[in-house]
Amino acid sequence: MIASAGSMFPWFIVFFLLFHFCSNISIASITPRFPSSIARPELISSSTTGKKVVYESKYFTQTLDHFNFQPQGYQTFQQRYLINHNYWGGAKNNAPIFVYTGNEGNIEWFAQNTGFMIDTAPHFKALLVFIEHRFYGKSIPFGGNQDVAYCNASTLGYLSSTQALADYATLIIDLKKNLTAEDSPVLVLGGSYGGMLAAWFRLKYPHVAMGALASSAPILNFEDIISPYSFNDIITQDFRSVSENCYKVIKGSWKQMEETARKHGGLELLRKSFRICKNYISIDSLESWLSTALIYTAMTDYPTPSNFLNPLPAYPVKQMCKAVEDPMAGNDTFKKLYGAANIYYNYTGNAKCFDLNDNSDPHGLSEWNWQACTEMILPTDGNNEESIFPPSQWNYSDRASFCNMIYGIEPRPNWITSEFGGHDISRVLKSFGSNIIFFNGLRDPWSGGGVLKNISKSITAIVAKEGAHHVDLRFSTEEDPEWLRNVRKREIRIISKWLKQYYLDLAQYYFIKRELIVLHMY
């Protein structure tokens, strides 16, 4: 088995798709790597709990452009959504509808990794709906033709968060009408980018969703709201909190790798040390490969075994540091690093070598690059002197130059905060927002851009010191620590409170309506 190199700097995928779909792109125009530490926030694979999400796959005829009335915007496409009626209490009982606001990928992967909805559906008697984000999975506009949809800015211009939110609103309203469930309350849920969408949906469409659970949603990771060093500072602290020696070994390894690469036969030595496949190696690709392992392991430092990105043991950061400090490695830094990388890339032990030139995109996530070049400008590249990664500075100009070269467009770094807010978030949301849960685990590097303090009585921040990337949305297991059980119990209590108030308000509405009808009769 050959293991792929991961996806921290997916410029290979950007090149492959653009060159394949738009052959006028020159190979000489491709920069060494995508100018963002995380171009795609996550990869999704199947759960390790053995639990499966049972659903029916359906399609909704969606409008291409919700905000203009130009002829092309009236085109439609087939948007996929997954639905599960098994636990629903029915429209007659106004039973709730839980909707997952789909992320940047195939919706089936998100459904299989959002066990919280499945676990709580019997308690709430909820209908479950997972909506796929436009331009991802099977929800491709322009007749489902990726050659057309992905080719250039004229078609990719319809891929944005605002269009996606309008998709969700349109689909939910139509679905409720078809089910004769107009009075059923809707709760939107999501993790990571999906969590951002859930929070923004509640703010933009409060008449459609009565509440939102936004898990690991870095809605503040824009402009000058947070430090561009925050993301990698948290990763550094994750490893340093486990072992100071582990941190120092990794921190000092980059210089040693670069010095080795410059020597005669150095790349071949590195290839053998890290068991890289013979087809390709460069120092940039090797460093990206190792950085990817560190970043994604920190993100998914779950307290139980997982297969969210790759098969991983419980507390994988500890396991990486254990490999770094293995006495059998002696003073061989590269052997130590290989042992650490092996935890992320080869925990099953099936990989014989690692392919740094794997251009595949099996999960259909590559169009995040367009979003990262337009509105999702998430500064995460800064590394100070204490960072576990080599020192560097976030440079917006690099991102802008890359995006102009690839797509011929200029990013809009201020658009998200103009559209959804972000500055002075507590003051602003307190004045008009309600019924949002923000969950963040402090071991998740994205938590630096999350809402970490309560904003009001109904906009609640749940913070878990040992939590990782939207761990609360994962399937529950018998091995879950008490703190994680308590997080989910708290979320359930809050959602129950929202539903209780919704039904009280609904009953009062119909009581007053009946009284007015009676008064009118007499």
Foldseek 3Di string as FASTA:
>chain_A
DAFELFPQFQLLQLCVLQCVLPVVADPVLRDPTAQARHLDPFFFDAKPPPDADDWDKDWDWAFLDPPDDDPVRRHTWTWIKTKDQPQAPALVVLQAEEEQLADQFAQRRVSRFQQLCVVCCNVRSYIYMYTHFAPYDQNDPPHSDCSPCVHACVNVVSRDLVNSLVRVQVVQCVVCVVRVNLLRAYEYEYFACSLQSRQLSCVVPVVRHVAYERELYLLQLFDVSFALALLLVLLLCLLVVLPVVLLVLLLPVLVVLVVQQPDVCSQVVLCVLQQADPPDDDSVLVVSSLSSLSQVCLQPQAQAFTCTRHTAGHRLSNVLSCLLPPVVCPPPSSNSSSSSSCRRGPVVPPHNGYYSSDNDDVGRNVCSSVVCQAEPVRSHPADDPSGSYPGDDNDVVSSQVNSCSSHVDGYDRCVSCVSRNNPVVLVVCLVPNFHYEYEDESSESSCSSTDQQASDPGYHYHYHPHDHGSPLSGNDDPSHDPVSVVVSVVVVVSVVVSVVVSVVVVVVVVVVVVVVVVVVVD
